Amino acid sequence: GELPKPLQPKLLRVLQEQEIRRMRGTKQIPVKVRVLAATNIDLTEAVAAGRFRRDLYERLKPLHIQLPALRERREDIPALAQYFLKKENNASNQKVVNINPEVLSLFDAYSWPGNIRELEGVIGRAVLLAEEGEILPSHLPSDVRMPQTHALPLADATAVANPNVSEYLVLPFPMGTTLKEIEKSAILTTLARENGNKSKTAAVLGISRVTLDTKLHTYNGEA
């Protein structure tokens, strides 16, 4: 659905003529393939808006399968989570054997705007943090762990009531603290808690290892 407009006629030609030509080549090569295409955009809308060729759409359309969003088939989440758990264990040589029932309840309550890819990413992060045993709520990103909460404004070490969760959140930064200072404190505190393990620190904070290294380099320059 996001194939650039100049490339769309090239794909259409392959589907129609069943031939390809190698880059810088001059000879047409016959191919016999079956194309499986997927998109998360509305192609009928894209065709109407002129972003996607109608003739290519008709070529791809004969067997059309509408796959509901993950939030519309929550009964599949436990099986998918177990599949991704096994996959991540094999990929990272970890031994996380179980997903806590409370985690599955949180998964069921979450809206999953990123669909299956987001679920896979959440499981991958949790496996890295859990190392062994089982995935617990503490191993999940905050937006999955607390899907109904909202960010609160900075306060002067004041307990602020959050009506959505019926509990109190203490914000430990004094009035006037900059976002940069808060970010630095969060990164260095997490790094210390993870015993200097940068990979775990990046996973907990939800940032890439490259971003973490860049920020730590900046902090060292400020010292």
Foldseek 3Di string as FASTA:
>chain_A
DQPFPVCQVVVVCCLVVQWDADVVGDDTHHHDDDDDDDDDDDVVVCCVVVRHPPSSCVSNPPDDDDDDFCLVVLVCLVVLLVVLLVVLCVVVVAAAPEEDPVLSVLSNVARPPVGSVVSSLQSNQQCVQVRYYHRDLLSGAPCSSCVQFDDDDAAAQDFDATVRVRGTDGHPDHPPDDPLNVVVVLLVVLCVVVVNDLCNSCSRVVHDSVVSVVVVVVVVVVD
